[in-house]
């Protein structure tokens, strides 16, 4: 119930963990509706997101652990903890992160019941996923020593992928970019331009589509978001080059065409996207599925896009241009939709308070 109980931590006197000019927690009063009278319907909420956190620096991903929210910052390599009582503190910094361009500290994820944090970051010898034990109680969390889950993923100043998530099958899915080498996306022996599927300790599942390989799908340019429906259907958002960005349904062993195809037109050899957009309207990043709606954060398009999973060729746009570049979306434990902005990553135009996490009850966003 994080979004519903966060308090203003830096109003008036400075609270523990808050520093002038640093992140600030706000009370997201629009997230939880007032109680309805008996026999009446709950009053509808306006579709206006409310600040949960402001003052973040190039944030990239959000995860939840116990009673806290965790946020990764790409350039600082810091992981911040937002506690249920409104404190913001540095949980720890990931060592050995190589910064520059689109690389750095990227995706984070927690495994249900695992008590560990999985972290995707760029190192000198490539991109990697590490597992850190989360030590201590909520509000005083720290990182244990890292264990490598998978490494040697090609890196570059662009196209590093970086989104990680546990699927409904309990496996860890890892998105990688082509690292500036488009031909690698079609090479089944390369980890670049792929979606990978591994166990929590980095093992290759026996039912992966390619024997002995972590590769789950190939032919990707730069996948930035993955999510699943309640029925287990997997969706992914992907950056195109100059023409078309994509929303795809991912199937085991599927080839999504890059660099031979950008957008639709793959015929029998490649899997076509279920929806595509001109690149200046999208740059689709993180996605989340709540109920029967997929929410998609767009960087260049500066819009939250809602796609019905049963009709994935349709979409409704919200908050166009209101909050700048949108990096990620996720479902909070109380069911609220959290939106992470991306205006301080060197490509945006930061406003007062950027970057921030915004919260809105999904009931307020029809679609």
Protein backbone atom coordinates (compact mmCIF):
# COMPACT_ATOMS: atom_id res chain seq x y z
CA UNK A 1 0.00 0.00 0.00
CA UNK A 2 2.94 2.31 -0.61
CA UNK A 3 1.31 4.97 -2.75
CA UNK A 4 -1.60 5.36 -0.36
CA UNK A 5 0.47 5.89 2.77
CA UNK A 6 3.51 7.91 1.71
CA UNK A 7 3.76 11.12 3.70
CA UNK A 8 5.36 14.46 2.94
CA UNK A 9 8.85 13.93 4.29
CA UNK A 10 10.60 17.20 3.50
CA UNK A 11 7.98 19.83 4.20
CA UNK A 12 9.03 22.28 6.90
CA UNK A 13 11.92 20.69 8.81
CA UNK A 14 14.18 18.41 6.79
CA UNK A 15 13.48 14.76 7.64
CA UNK A 16 15.99 11.96 7.91
CA UNK A 17 17.14 10.88 4.48
CA UNK A 18 16.04 14.09 2.72
CA UNK A 19 18.59 16.68 1.68
CA UNK A 20 18.06 20.13 0.16
CA UNK A 21 17.90 19.76 -3.60
CA UNK A 22 17.53 15.99 -3.31
CA UNK A 23 14.50 13.75 -3.78
CA UNK A 24 11.31 14.84 -2.07
CA UNK A 25 8.27 12.70 -1.23
CA UNK A 26 4.80 14.16 -1.64
CA UNK A 27 1.44 12.90 -0.47
CA UNK A 28 -0.36 11.38 -3.50
CA UNK A 29 -3.81 12.46 -2.35
CA UNK A 30 -5.38 11.66 -5.72
CA UNK A 31 -4.41 7.99 -5.55
CA UNK A 32 -6.89 6.75 -2.94
CA UNK A 33 -10.52 7.80 -3.37
CA UNK A 34 -12.59 8.88 -0.39
CA UNK A 35 -14.78 6.17 1.04
CA UNK A 36 -18.16 5.94 -0.61
CA UNK A 37 -21.34 6.00 1.40
CA UNK A 38 -23.01 2.63 1.83
CA UNK A 39 -24.99 1.72 -1.22
CA UNK A 40 -23.35 4.32 -3.47
CA UNK A 41 -20.61 3.99 -6.05
CA UNK A 42 -17.12 5.28 -5.30
CA UNK A 43 -16.69 8.79 -6.74
CA UNK A 44 -14.57 8.81 -9.87
CA UNK A 45 -11.06 10.21 -9.63
CA UNK A 46 -9.81 12.83 -12.06
CA UNK A 47 -7.13 11.36 -14.35
CA UNK A 48 -4.50 13.66 -12.87
CA UNK A 49 -1.30 12.06 -11.55
CA UNK A 50 0.05 13.28 -8.22
CA UNK A 51 3.71 13.52 -7.25
CA UNK A 52 5.02 10.66 -5.14
CA UNK A 53 8.70 11.63 -5.43
CA UNK A 54 10.47 14.60 -7.00
CA UNK A 55 14.13 15.48 -7.46
CA UNK A 56 15.39 12.20 -8.94
CA UNK A 57 18.45 12.18 -11.21
CA UNK A 58 18.14 10.14 -14.42
CA UNK A 59 15.91 7.45 -12.85
CA UNK A 60 15.37 4.31 -14.87
CA UNK A 61 13.37 1.63 -13.07
CA UNK A 62 11.12 0.95 -10.05
CA UNK A 63 10.74 -2.21 -7.98
CA UNK A 64 9.01 -3.02 -4.68
CA UNK A 65 10.39 -4.89 -1.67
CA UNK A 66 8.40 -5.40 1.50
CA UNK A 67 6.97 -2.04 2.49
CA UNK A 68 9.34 0.03 0.35
CA UNK A 69 9.75 1.13 -3.24
CA UNK A 70 13.19 1.00 -4.86
CA UNK A 71 14.36 3.29 -7.68
CA UNK A 72 17.48 2.98 -9.84
CA UNK A 73 19.36 6.05 -11.06
CA UNK A 74 21.25 5.42 -14.29
CA UNK A 75 24.18 7.80 -13.98
CA UNK A 76 24.79 7.83 -10.23
CA UNK A 77 24.47 4.00 -9.97
CA UNK A 78 22.46 4.60 -6.80
CA UNK A 79 19.45 2.63 -5.65
CA UNK A 80 17.07 4.71 -3.56
CA UNK A 81 14.60 3.38 -1.02
CA UNK A 82 11.26 5.11 -0.57
CA UNK A 83 9.79 3.87 2.69
CA UNK A 84 6.15 3.55 3.67
CA UNK A 85 6.51 6.41 6.18
CA UNK A 86 7.85 8.80 3.58
CA UNK A 87 11.62 8.60 4.06
CA UNK A 88 13.93 8.64 1.04
CA UNK A 89 17.37 7.21 1.53
CA UNK A 90 20.19 5.72 -0.48
CA UNK A 91 19.97 1.96 -0.14
CA UNK A 92 23.34 1.50 -1.84
CA UNK A 93 25.34 2.08 -5.00
CA UNK A 94 26.24 -0.64 -7.49
CA UNK A 95 30.00 -0.93 -7.91
CA UNK A 96 31.78 -1.21 -11.26
CA UNK A 97 29.10 0.53 -13.32
CA UNK A 98 30.40 2.10 -16.54
CA UNK A 99 28.58 5.29 -17.39
CA UNK A 100 28.09 7.00 -20.72
CA UNK A 101 25.36 7.35 -23.30
CA UNK A 102 22.50 4.97 -22.61
CA UNK A 103 24.57 2.70 -20.37
CA UNK A 104 24.75 2.70 -16.59
CA UNK A 105 22.47 1.35 -13.87
CA UNK A 106 19.28 0.31 -15.68
CA UNK A 107 16.58 -2.19 -14.75
CA UNK A 108 15.85 -3.61 -11.30
CA UNK A 109 13.44 -6.34 -10.24
CA UNK A 110 12.56 -8.39 -7.18
CA UNK A 111 11.58 -12.03 -7.28
CA UNK A 112 8.41 -12.89 -5.33
CA UNK A 113 9.43 -14.26 -1.94
CA UNK A 114 13.12 -14.28 -2.83
CA UNK A 115 14.32 -11.45 -0.62
CA UNK A 116 16.78 -10.33 -3.29
CA UNK A 117 17.17 -7.53 -5.79
CA UNK A 118 18.16 -8.26 -9.39
CA UNK A 119 20.03 -5.45 -11.14
CA UNK A 120 20.96 -4.84 -14.79
CA UNK A 121 23.95 -2.56 -15.34
CA UNK A 122 26.75 -1.74 -17.75
CA UNK A 123 30.30 -2.74 -16.79
CA UNK A 124 33.64 -2.47 -18.58
CA UNK A 125 33.33 -5.96 -20.05
CA UNK A 126 29.66 -5.73 -21.03
CA UNK A 127 26.18 -5.53 -19.62
CA UNK A 128 25.31 -7.89 -16.78
CA UNK A 129 22.62 -8.94 -14.35
CA UNK A 130 23.58 -9.29 -10.69
CA UNK A 131 21.67 -10.57 -7.68
CA UNK A 132 21.98 -8.74 -4.36
CA UNK A 133 20.54 -9.95 -1.09
CA UNK A 134 18.43 -7.25 0.54
CA UNK A 135 19.65 -6.97 4.11
CA UNK A 136 17.77 -5.44 7.03
CA UNK A 137 14.20 -4.34 7.42
CA UNK A 138 12.17 -1.98 5.28
CA UNK A 139 13.37 1.53 6.00
CA UNK A 140 16.89 0.32 6.70
CA UNK A 141 17.60 -1.87 3.69
CA UNK A 142 21.11 -2.39 2.35
CA UNK A 143 22.71 -4.47 -0.40
CA UNK A 144 24.60 -7.67 0.23
CA UNK A 145 27.47 -8.86 -1.92
CA UNK A 146 26.62 -9.34 -5.61
CA UNK A 147 26.31 -12.69 -7.36
CA UNK A 148 26.48 -12.66 -11.15
CA UNK A 149 23.37 -14.09 -12.81
CA UNK A 150 24.44 -13.48 -16.41
CA UNK A 151 27.14 -11.29 -17.96
CA UNK A 152 28.96 -10.77 -21.24
CA UNK A 153 25.97 -9.05 -22.81
CA UNK A 154 27.39 -6.71 -25.49
CA UNK A 155 27.41 -3.05 -24.50
CA UNK A 156 27.65 0.23 -26.38
CA UNK A 157 26.92 3.89 -25.87
CA UNK A 158 23.45 3.10 -27.25
CA UNK A 159 21.05 0.16 -27.43
CA UNK A 160 21.81 -1.61 -24.15
CA UNK A 161 18.31 -2.92 -23.48
CA UNK A 162 18.17 -3.23 -19.72
CA UNK A 163 14.63 -4.10 -18.67
CA UNK A 164 14.36 -7.15 -16.41
CA UNK A 165 11.28 -8.83 -14.93
CA UNK A 166 10.15 -12.14 -13.52
CA UNK A 167 7.48 -13.78 -15.62
CA UNK A 168 4.47 -15.73 -14.35
CA UNK A 169 6.55 -18.89 -14.85
CA UNK A 170 9.05 -17.69 -12.23
CA UNK A 171 11.81 -17.19 -14.78
CA UNK A 172 13.86 -14.01 -15.17
CA UNK A 173 13.47 -12.27 -18.52
CA UNK A 174 16.21 -9.89 -19.65
CA UNK A 175 16.01 -7.50 -22.60
CA UNK A 176 19.17 -6.65 -24.52
CA UNK A 177 19.86 -4.19 -27.34
CA UNK A 178 21.88 -4.73 -30.49
CA UNK A 179 24.69 -2.59 -28.94
CA UNK A 180 25.14 -0.74 -32.22
CA UNK A 181 25.73 -3.92 -34.23
CA UNK A 182 22.43 -4.66 -36.02
CA UNK A 183 23.64 -7.96 -37.48
CA UNK A 184 24.11 -9.36 -33.94
CA UNK A 185 20.34 -9.32 -33.46
CA UNK A 186 20.02 -12.12 -36.05
CA UNK A 187 22.97 -14.12 -34.68
CA UNK A 188 21.57 -16.82 -32.36
CA UNK A 189 24.97 -17.19 -30.68
CA UNK A 190 25.10 -13.52 -29.62
CA UNK A 191 23.30 -12.17 -26.55
CA UNK A 192 22.74 -8.83 -28.29
CA UNK A 193 19.35 -7.89 -29.71
CA UNK A 194 17.50 -10.55 -27.75
CA UNK A 195 15.09 -11.29 -24.95
CA UNK A 196 16.79 -13.76 -22.63
CA UNK A 197 15.14 -16.22 -20.22
CA UNK A 198 17.08 -17.67 -17.31
CA UNK A 199 16.48 -19.05 -13.84
CA UNK A 200 17.06 -16.85 -10.80
CA UNK A 201 20.61 -18.19 -10.50
CA UNK A 202 21.38 -17.77 -14.21
CA UNK A 203 20.73 -21.31 -15.36
CA UNK A 204 19.20 -22.07 -18.75
CA UNK A 205 15.69 -23.53 -18.44
CA UNK A 206 15.26 -26.88 -20.16
CA UNK A 207 12.20 -25.64 -22.04
CA UNK A 208 13.93 -22.65 -23.63
CA UNK A 209 13.42 -22.66 -27.42
CA UNK A 210 17.12 -23.07 -28.25
CA UNK A 211 18.90 -25.94 -26.50
CA UNK A 212 21.42 -24.77 -23.91
CA UNK A 213 20.87 -21.10 -24.78
CA UNK A 214 19.34 -18.31 -22.68
CA UNK A 215 17.90 -16.77 -25.88
CA UNK A 216 14.10 -16.67 -25.80
CA UNK A 217 13.47 -14.44 -28.83
CA UNK A 218 15.71 -12.66 -31.34
CA UNK A 219 15.75 -9.98 -34.02
CA UNK A 220 15.31 -7.08 -31.61
CA UNK A 221 16.85 -3.62 -31.93
CA UNK A 222 16.33 -2.37 -28.37
CA UNK A 223 13.54 -3.75 -26.19
CA UNK A 224 12.73 -1.39 -23.30
CA UNK A 225 9.60 -2.86 -21.72
CA UNK A 226 8.14 -6.28 -20.96
CA UNK A 227 4.94 -7.34 -19.19
CA UNK A 228 2.43 -10.20 -19.05
CA UNK A 229 -1.35 -10.48 -19.02
CA UNK A 230 -3.13 -12.54 -16.40
CA UNK A 231 -3.36 -15.28 -19.02
CA UNK A 232 0.42 -15.29 -19.48
CA UNK A 233 0.64 -13.51 -22.83
CA UNK A 234 3.91 -11.55 -23.03
CA UNK A 235 4.17 -8.07 -24.55
CA UNK A 236 7.31 -6.05 -25.32
CA UNK A 237 7.97 -2.48 -26.45
CA UNK A 238 10.82 -1.82 -28.85
CA UNK A 239 12.65 1.18 -30.31
CA UNK A 240 12.78 1.35 -34.09
CA UNK A 241 15.47 3.19 -36.02
CA UNK A 242 14.15 5.99 -38.23
CA UNK A 243 10.65 4.88 -39.16
CA UNK A 244 8.64 2.77 -36.75
CA UNK A 245 8.59 1.84 -33.07
CA UNK A 246 6.88 -1.38 -32.10
CA UNK A 247 4.64 -3.17 -29.63
CA UNK A 248 5.09 -6.92 -29.96
CA UNK A 249 3.57 -10.08 -28.56
CA UNK A 250 6.51 -12.31 -27.69
CA UNK A 251 6.50 -16.02 -28.48
CA UNK A 252 9.23 -18.49 -27.62
CA UNK A 253 11.75 -18.70 -30.43
CA UNK A 254 10.17 -15.84 -32.35
CA UNK A 255 12.28 -13.75 -34.72
CA UNK A 256 11.17 -10.10 -34.77
CA UNK A 257 13.06 -9.11 -37.88
CA UNK A 258 15.65 -6.47 -36.99
CA UNK A 259 17.65 -5.34 -38.95
CA UNK A 260 16.01 -6.88 -42.01
CA UNK A 261 12.58 -5.53 -41.07
CA UNK A 262 11.62 -2.37 -39.18
CA UNK A 263 7.93 -2.54 -38.31
CA UNK A 264 5.63 -4.88 -40.23
CA UNK A 265 6.37 -6.77 -43.42
CA UNK A 266 8.21 -9.84 -42.18
CA UNK A 267 6.10 -12.41 -43.98
CA UNK A 268 6.38 -15.97 -42.68
CA UNK A 269 9.95 -15.60 -41.48
CA UNK A 270 9.44 -12.80 -38.95
CA UNK A 271 6.82 -11.92 -36.34
CA UNK A 272 5.07 -8.64 -37.12
CA UNK A 273 4.29 -6.11 -34.35
CA UNK A 274 0.71 -5.83 -33.12
CA UNK A 275 1.01 -2.03 -33.24
CA UNK A 276 3.59 0.45 -34.53
CA UNK A 277 4.09 4.21 -34.34
CA UNK A 278 6.30 6.78 -36.08
CA UNK A 279 9.43 7.20 -33.97
CA UNK A 280 8.70 10.87 -33.21
CA UNK A 281 5.42 9.83 -31.56
CA UNK A 282 6.76 7.09 -29.37
CA UNK A 283 10.23 5.85 -28.31
CA UNK A 284 8.34 3.31 -26.21
CA UNK A 285 10.02 2.48 -22.92
CA UNK A 286 8.64 0.67 -19.86
CA UNK A 287 5.24 -1.02 -19.90
CA UNK A 288 2.84 -2.37 -17.29
CA UNK A 289 -0.36 -4.36 -17.58
CA UNK A 290 -3.19 -3.74 -15.12
CA UNK A 291 -6.31 -5.77 -15.75
CA UNK A 292 -6.94 -5.78 -19.49
CA UNK A 293 -4.99 -2.59 -20.26
CA UNK A 294 -1.34 -2.21 -21.18
CA UNK A 295 0.17 1.14 -20.17
CA UNK A 296 3.16 2.31 -22.19
CA UNK A 297 5.59 5.11 -21.25
CA UNK A 298 6.95 7.05 -24.22
CA UNK A 299 10.13 9.11 -24.18
CA UNK A 300 10.23 11.05 -27.42
CA UNK A 301 6.45 10.96 -27.73
CA UNK A 302 6.05 12.35 -24.16
CA UNK A 303 2.78 10.53 -23.66
CA UNK A 304 1.24 7.70 -21.64
CA UNK A 305 -0.40 5.29 -24.05
CA UNK A 306 -3.12 2.83 -23.02
CA UNK A 307 -3.55 -0.27 -25.19
CA UNK A 308 -6.33 -2.83 -24.64
CA UNK A 309 -4.63 -6.22 -24.54
CA UNK A 310 -7.57 -7.84 -26.33
CA UNK A 311 -7.30 -5.30 -29.19
CA UNK A 312 -3.58 -4.48 -29.19
CA UNK A 313 -3.82 -2.56 -32.46
CA UNK A 314 -5.78 0.19 -30.67
CA UNK A 315 -4.52 2.90 -28.29
CA UNK A 316 -5.60 5.96 -26.32
CA UNK A 317 -3.13 8.70 -25.37
CA UNK A 318 -3.04 10.52 -22.03
CA UNK A 319 -1.09 13.45 -20.55
CA UNK A 320 0.51 14.32 -23.88
CA UNK A 321 3.38 16.72 -23.26
CA UNK A 322 2.29 17.41 -19.66
CA UNK A 323 5.19 15.70 -17.89
CA UNK A 324 7.86 15.47 -20.58
CA UNK A 325 9.63 12.22 -21.34
CA UNK A 326 8.18 9.14 -19.65
CA UNK A 327 10.67 6.36 -18.85
CA UNK A 328 8.69 3.64 -17.09
CA UNK A 329 5.34 2.63 -15.63
CA UNK A 330 4.59 0.04 -13.00
CA UNK A 331 1.76 -1.20 -10.81
CA UNK A 332 2.21 -0.30 -7.14
CA UNK A 333 1.15 -2.81 -4.48
CA UNK A 334 -2.07 -0.86 -3.83
CA UNK A 335 -3.03 -1.04 -7.51
CA UNK A 336 -2.08 2.53 -8.37
CA UNK A 337 -0.25 3.20 -11.63
CA UNK A 338 3.17 4.78 -11.03
CA UNK A 339 4.75 6.78 -13.86
CA UNK A 340 8.48 7.52 -13.89
CA UNK A 341 9.64 10.55 -15.90
CA UNK A 342 12.93 10.75 -17.80
CA UNK A 343 13.72 14.43 -18.28
CA UNK A 344 17.17 14.56 -16.64
CA UNK A 345 18.81 11.90 -18.81
CA UNK A 346 20.48 14.43 -21.11
CA UNK A 347 17.78 14.28 -23.79
CA UNK A 348 14.94 16.03 -22.03
CA UNK A 349 14.05 19.51 -20.87
CA UNK A 350 13.82 19.24 -17.07
CA UNK A 351 11.19 21.28 -15.27
CA UNK A 352 10.90 22.16 -11.61
CA UNK A 353 11.01 19.00 -9.53
CA UNK A 354 12.20 16.68 -12.30
CA UNK A 355 12.63 13.84 -12.38
CA UNK A 356 9.65 12.46 -10.51
CA UNK A 357 7.36 9.53 -9.84
CA UNK A 358 3.68 10.26 -10.46
CA UNK A 359 0.79 8.15 -9.23
CA UNK A 360 -2.72 7.75 -10.61
CA UNK A 361 -5.38 5.19 -9.85
CA UNK A 362 -5.89 3.09 -12.99
CA UNK A 363 -9.65 3.47 -12.57
CA UNK A 364 -9.16 7.11 -13.52
CA UNK A 365 -7.59 6.20 -16.86
CA UNK A 366 -10.25 4.57 -19.03
CA UNK A 367 -9.18 2.20 -21.72
